[in-house]
C-alpha atoms as a PDB file:
ATOM      1  CA  TYR A   1       0.057   0.259   0.076  1.00  0.00           C
ATOM      2  CA  LEU A   2       1.518   3.609  -0.860  1.00  0.00           C
ATOM      3  CA  PRO A   3      -0.352   6.794   0.466  1.00  0.00           C
ATOM      4  CA  VAL A   4      -1.733   8.899  -2.369  1.00  0.00           C
ATOM      5  CA  GLN A   5      -1.221  12.928  -2.226  1.00  0.00           C
ATOM      6  CA  THR A   6      -3.342  14.915  -4.146  1.00  0.00           C
ATOM      7  CA  ASN A   7      -2.555  18.542  -5.125  1.00  0.00           C
ATOM      8  CA  TRP A   8      -4.209  21.275  -6.818  1.00  0.00           C
ATOM      9  CA  ARG A   9      -0.812  22.130  -8.909  1.00  0.00           C
ATOM     10  CA  LEU A  10      -1.250  18.873 -11.061  1.00  0.00           C
ATOM     11  CA  ASN A  11      -4.819  19.813 -12.494  1.00  0.00           C
ATOM     12  CA  GLU A  12      -5.687  20.300 -15.346  1.00  0.00           C
ATOM     13  CA  ARG A  13      -4.438  24.080 -17.435  1.00  0.00           C
ATOM     14  CA  HIS A  14      -8.036  25.800 -17.250  1.00  0.00           C
ATOM     15  CA  TYR A  15      -9.347  27.012 -20.315  1.00  0.00           C
ATOM     16  CA  GLY A  16     -10.968  30.128 -19.498  1.00  0.00           C
ATOM     17  CA  ALA A  17     -14.227  30.274 -21.377  1.00  0.00           C
ATOM     18  CA  LEU A  18     -13.815  27.526 -23.396  1.00  0.00           C
ATOM     19  CA  GLN A  19     -13.941  25.209 -20.297  1.00  0.00           C
ATOM     20  CA  GLY A  20     -16.347  22.484 -20.655  1.00  0.00           C
ATOM     21  CA  LEU A  21     -16.874  23.632 -24.255  1.00  0.00           C
ATOM     22  CA  ASN A  22     -17.518  20.476 -27.033  1.00  0.00           C
ATOM     23  CA  LYS A  23     -13.410  20.732 -28.779  1.00  0.00           C
ATOM     24  CA  THR A  24     -14.388  19.429 -32.163  1.00  0.00           C
ATOM     25  CA  GLU A  25     -17.986  22.066 -31.870  1.00  0.00           C
ATOM     26  CA  THR A  26     -15.290  24.415 -30.585  1.00  0.00           C
ATOM     27  CA  ALA A  27     -13.043  24.518 -33.101  1.00  0.00           C
ATOM     28  CA  ALA A  28     -16.187  24.475 -36.170  1.00  0.00           C
ATOM     29  CA  LYS A  29     -16.950  27.921 -34.683  1.00  0.00           C
ATOM     30  CA  TYR A  30     -13.466  29.220 -33.999  1.00  0.00           C
ATOM     31  CA  GLY A  31     -11.769  26.985 -36.576  1.00  0.00           C
ATOM     32  CA  GLU A  32      -8.517  24.436 -35.623  1.00  0.00           C
ATOM     33  CA  ASP A  33      -5.805  26.237 -35.852  1.00  0.00           C
ATOM     34  CA  GLN A  34      -7.343  28.946 -33.116  1.00  0.00           C
ATOM     35  CA  VAL A  35      -8.585  26.175 -30.904  1.00  0.00           C
ATOM     36  CA  LYS A  36      -4.830  24.459 -31.601  1.00  0.00           C
ATOM     37  CA  ILE A  37      -3.029  27.654 -30.872  1.00  0.00           C
ATOM     38  CA  TRP A  38      -5.368  27.874 -28.039  1.00  0.00           C
ATOM     39  CA  ARG A  39      -4.419  24.271 -26.500  1.00  0.00           C
ATOM     40  CA  ARG A  40      -1.699  23.602 -27.497  1.00  0.00           C
ATOM     41  CA  SER A  41       0.529  26.949 -27.870  1.00  0.00           C
ATOM     42  CA  TYR A  42       3.155  27.719 -25.040  1.00  0.00           C
ATOM     43  CA  ASP A  43       1.739  31.354 -24.036  1.00  0.00           C
ATOM     44  CA  THR A  44      -1.754  32.202 -25.927  1.00  0.00           C
ATOM     45  CA  PRO A  45      -4.273  31.766 -23.197  1.00  0.00           C
ATOM     46  CA  PRO A  46      -7.782  31.552 -24.043  1.00  0.00           C
ATOM     47  CA  PRO A  47     -10.459  33.675 -23.218  1.00  0.00           C
ATOM     48  CA  PRO A  48     -11.290  34.311 -19.515  1.00  0.00           C
ATOM     49  CA  LEU A  49     -13.535  33.574 -17.637  1.00  0.00           C
ATOM     50  CA  SER A  50     -16.377  35.823 -17.025  1.00  0.00           C
ATOM     51  CA  ASP A  51     -16.113  37.746 -13.141  1.00  0.00           C
ATOM     52  CA  ALA A  52     -19.838  36.028 -13.162  1.00  0.00           C
ATOM     53  CA  ASP A  53     -18.188  32.234 -13.976  1.00  0.00           C
ATOM     54  CA  PHE A  54     -15.588  33.083 -11.892  1.00  0.00           C
ATOM     55  CA  ALA A  55     -17.043  33.959  -9.051  1.00  0.00           C
ATOM     56  CA  VAL A  56     -18.968  30.708  -8.635  1.00  0.00           C
ATOM     57  CA  GLN A  57     -15.904  28.528  -9.497  1.00  0.00           C
ATOM     58  CA  MET A  58     -14.931  30.136  -6.703  1.00  0.00           C
ATOM     59  CA  LYS A  59     -17.292  28.629  -4.526  1.00  0.00           C
ATOM     60  CA  GLU A  60     -16.701  24.754  -5.665  1.00  0.00           C
ATOM     61  CA  PRO A  61     -16.013  23.246  -2.254  1.00  0.00           C
ATOM     62  CA  ARG A  62     -12.385  21.770  -4.708  1.00  0.00           C
ATOM     63  CA  PHE A  63     -11.384  25.036  -4.683  1.00  0.00           C
ATOM     64  CA  GLN A  64     -11.689  26.766  -1.196  1.00  0.00           C
ATOM     65  CA  SER A  65      -8.229  26.708  -0.273  1.00  0.00           C
ATOM     66  CA  LEU A  66      -6.886  28.743  -2.800  1.00  0.00           C
ATOM     67  CA  LYS A  67      -6.478  32.064  -3.098  1.00  0.00           C
ATOM     68  CA  PRO A  68      -8.600  34.005  -6.001  1.00  0.00           C
ATOM     69  CA  ALA A  69      -4.888  35.211  -6.514  1.00  0.00           C
ATOM     70  CA  GLU A  70      -4.350  31.784  -7.143  1.00  0.00           C
ATOM     71  CA  PHE A  71      -7.329  30.586  -8.904  1.00  0.00           C
ATOM     72  CA  PRO A  72      -7.320  31.522 -13.467  1.00  0.00           C
ATOM     73  CA  ARG A  73      -9.395  32.717 -15.256  1.00  0.00           C
ATOM     74  CA  GLY A  74      -7.590  30.957 -17.836  1.00  0.00           C
ATOM     75  CA  GLU A  75      -4.090  29.278 -18.017  1.00  0.00           C
ATOM     76  CA  THR A  76      -1.380  29.034 -21.102  1.00  0.00           C
ATOM     77  CA  LEU A  77       1.403  25.780 -20.702  1.00  0.00           C
ATOM     78  CA  LYS A  78       3.078  28.387 -19.129  1.00  0.00           C
ATOM     79  CA  THR A  79       1.385  29.555 -16.393  1.00  0.00           C
ATOM     80  CA  THR A  80       0.371  26.144 -15.866  1.00  0.00           C
ATOM     81  CA  MET A  81       4.338  25.452 -15.790  1.00  0.00           C
ATOM     82  CA  ASP A  82       4.688  28.431 -13.677  1.00  0.00           C
ATOM     83  CA  ARG A  83       1.222  26.586 -11.123  1.00  0.00           C
ATOM     84  CA  LEU A  84       3.359  23.561 -11.053  1.00  0.00           C
ATOM     85  CA  MET A  85       6.585  24.257 -10.641  1.00  0.00           C
ATOM     86  CA  PRO A  86       6.689  24.885  -6.971  1.00  0.00           C
ATOM     87  CA  LEU A  87       5.494  21.158  -6.795  1.00  0.00           C
ATOM     88  CA  TRP A  88       7.824  19.954  -8.560  1.00  0.00           C
ATOM     89  CA  LYS A  89      11.227  21.709  -6.331  1.00  0.00           C
ATOM     90  CA  GLU A  90       9.762  21.246  -3.405  1.00  0.00           C
ATOM     91  CA  GLU A  91       8.369  17.866  -3.268  1.00  0.00           C
ATOM     92  CA  ILE A  92       8.675  15.678  -5.910  1.00  0.00           C
ATOM     93  CA  GLN A  93      12.034  16.406  -6.832  1.00  0.00           C
ATOM     94  CA  ALA A  94      13.349  16.475  -3.470  1.00  0.00           C
ATOM     95  CA  ARG A  95      11.360  12.896  -3.191  1.00  0.00           C
ATOM     96  CA  ILE A  96      13.335  11.513  -5.726  1.00  0.00           C
ATOM     97  CA  LEU A  97      16.944  12.920  -4.966  1.00  0.00           C
ATOM     98  CA  LYS A  98      16.228  10.978  -2.198  1.00  0.00           C
ATOM     99  CA  GLY A  99      15.870   7.721  -3.663  1.00  0.00           C
ATOM    100  CA  GLU A 100      11.540   7.579  -3.528  1.00  0.00           C
ATOM    101  CA  ARG A 101      10.116   6.295  -7.357  1.00  0.00           C
ATOM    102  CA  LEU A 102       6.877   9.033  -7.445  1.00  0.00           C
ATOM    103  CA  PHE A 103       4.276   7.665  -9.531  1.00  0.00           C
ATOM    104  CA  ILE A 104       2.505  11.047 -10.999  1.00  0.00           C
ATOM    105  CA  VAL A 105      -0.845  11.043 -12.141  1.00  0.00           C
ATOM    106  CA  ALA A 106      -1.940  14.138 -14.142  1.00  0.00           C
ATOM    107  CA  HIS A 107      -4.020  15.255 -16.397  1.00  0.00           C
ATOM    108  CA  GLY A 108      -2.318  16.763 -20.033  1.00  0.00           C
ATOM    109  CA  ASN A 109      -1.324  19.551 -19.874  1.00  0.00           C
ATOM    110  CA  SER A 110      -0.151  19.126 -16.317  1.00  0.00           C
ATOM    111  CA  LEU A 111       1.671  16.588 -17.789  1.00  0.00           C
ATOM    112  CA  ARG A 112       3.198  18.725 -20.786  1.00  0.00           C
ATOM    113  CA  ALA A 113       4.283  20.935 -18.546  1.00  0.00           C
ATOM    114  CA  LEU A 114       6.451  18.573 -16.311  1.00  0.00           C
ATOM    115  CA  VAL A 115       7.881  16.687 -19.727  1.00  0.00           C
ATOM    116  CA  GLN A 116       9.153  20.169 -21.482  1.00  0.00           C
ATOM    117  CA  HIS A 117      10.279  21.003 -18.103  1.00  0.00           C
ATOM    118  CA  LEU A 118      12.459  18.014 -17.742  1.00  0.00           C
ATOM    119  CA  GLU A 119      13.345  17.648 -21.317  1.00  0.00           C
ATOM    120  CA  LYS A 120      13.982  21.224 -21.437  1.00  0.00           C
ATOM    121  CA  LEU A 121      11.992  21.734 -24.593  1.00  0.00           C
ATOM    122  CA  THR A 122      10.722  24.662 -26.671  1.00  0.00           C
ATOM    123  CA  PRO A 123       7.791  26.284 -26.240  1.00  0.00           C
ATOM    124  CA  ASP A 124       7.236  25.355 -30.532  1.00  0.00           C
ATOM    125  CA  GLN A 125       8.714  21.502 -29.559  1.00  0.00           C
ATOM    126  CA  ILE A 126       6.299  21.015 -26.965  1.00  0.00           C
ATOM    127  CA  MET A 127       3.414  22.199 -29.022  1.00  0.00           C
ATOM    128  CA  GLU A 128       3.696  18.970 -31.097  1.00  0.00           C
ATOM    129  CA  VAL A 129       4.111  16.749 -27.991  1.00  0.00           C
ATOM    130  CA  ASN A 130       1.199  14.193 -27.480  1.00  0.00           C
ATOM    131  CA  ILE A 131       0.552  12.801 -24.163  1.00  0.00           C
ATOM    132  CA  PRO A 132      -1.614   9.691 -24.048  1.00  0.00           C
ATOM    133  CA  THR A 133      -4.552   9.041 -21.933  1.00  0.00           C
ATOM    134  CA  GLY A 134      -3.659   6.955 -19.503  1.00  0.00           C
ATOM    135  CA  THR A 135      -0.332   5.460 -20.576  1.00  0.00           C
ATOM    136  CA  PRO A 136       2.115   5.421 -17.660  1.00  0.00           C
ATOM    137  CA  LEU A 137       5.630   7.007 -19.382  1.00  0.00           C
ATOM    138  CA  VAL A 138       8.660   5.894 -16.869  1.00  0.00           C
ATOM    139  CA  TYR A 139      11.326   8.392 -16.735  1.00  0.00           C
ATOM    140  CA  GLU A 140      14.834   8.032 -15.861  1.00  0.00           C
ATOM    141  CA  LEU A 141      16.750  11.026 -13.462  1.00  0.00           C
ATOM    142  CA  ASP A 142      19.620  11.233 -12.757  1.00  0.00           C
ATOM    143  CA  SER A 143      21.676  13.221  -9.103  1.00  0.00           C
ATOM    144  CA  LYS A 144      21.005  16.355 -11.067  1.00  0.00           C
ATOM    145  CA  MET A 145      17.537  15.550 -12.603  1.00  0.00           C
ATOM    146  CA  ALA A 146      18.481  15.207 -16.305  1.00  0.00           C
ATOM    147  CA  VAL A 147      16.757  12.513 -18.329  1.00  0.00           C
ATOM    148  CA  VAL A 148      18.681   9.844 -18.519  1.00  0.00           C
ATOM    149  CA  SER A 149      16.258   7.674 -20.117  1.00  0.00           C
ATOM    150  CA  LYS A 150      12.349   7.859 -20.560  1.00  0.00           C
ATOM    151  CA  LYS A 151       9.540   4.960 -22.437  1.00  0.00           C
ATOM    152  CA  TYR A 152       5.667   4.360 -22.281  1.00  0.00           C
ATOM    153  CA  LEU A 153       5.040   1.367 -21.232  1.00  0.00           C
ATOM    154  CA  GLY A 154       2.537  -0.964 -23.305  1.00  0.00           C
ATOM    155  CA  ASP A 155       2.400  -1.753 -26.829  1.00  0.00           C
ATOM    156  CA  PRO A 156       4.097   0.828 -29.234  1.00  0.00           C
ATOM    157  CA  GLU A 157       1.563   0.560 -32.283  1.00  0.00           C
ATOM    158  CA  GLU A 158      -1.620   1.154 -29.135  1.00  0.00           C
ATOM    159  CA  ILE A 159       0.971   3.916 -27.967  1.00  0.00           C
ATOM    160  CA  ALA A 160       1.643   5.637 -31.474  1.00  0.00           C
ATOM    161  CA  LYS A 161      -2.439   5.500 -31.888  1.00  0.00           C
ATOM    162  CA  ALA A 162      -3.180   7.556 -28.532  1.00  0.00           C
ATOM    163  CA  GLN A 163      -1.030   9.769 -29.322  1.00  0.00           C
ATOM    164  CA  ALA A 164      -2.926  10.259 -32.947  1.00  0.00           C
ATOM    165  CA  ALA A 165      -6.252  10.844 -30.731  1.00  0.00           C
ATOM    166  CA  VAL A 166      -4.670  13.670 -28.810  1.00  0.00           C
ATOM    167  CA  ALA A 167      -3.060  14.865 -31.355  1.00  0.00           C
ATOM    168  CA  ASN A 168      -6.645  15.328 -33.777  1.00  0.00           C
ATOM    169  CA  GLN A 169      -8.730  16.826 -30.929  1.00  0.00           C
ATOM    170  CA  GLY A 170      -9.710  19.755 -31.388  1.00  0.00           C
ATOM    171  CA  LYS A 171     -10.659  19.542 -35.222  1.00  0.00           C
ATOM    172  CA  LYS A 172     -13.983  19.038 -36.762  1.00  0.00           C
END
């Protein structure tokens, strides 16, 4: 038995006014290129939450521990990384350096931010990274937290199909 810890810093990036909308319908309304920019670019934010929607979300029990300034009206991958890095530096990295092996479960964009950090990818490079849902990605890190190796666990053909499915989200 291993203890499970949760942390809001691993939450999915917040899509602002696009939160909860169907990706295909959003692509039909705004165009596939714009949706890809909002979903995948490093620093182009989606339209922000309105004041009314922000107030409603701040009242949700899962956000009660956050200060209003911590809760975004819409995030980019850059701001998702900014949110994730304190957890990485203060807790996850410290535990790895102590020799612990951790299993991090998070949403796609939070994982993309972590992958970008670990692999030192540029904003253009991370835009093309497609992390398949529910497929473990194993990193081996050295004592300086540099990537020694990485591999997905599972059938390579199925992983490639799952990556393609992620890449095709948000298309008409």
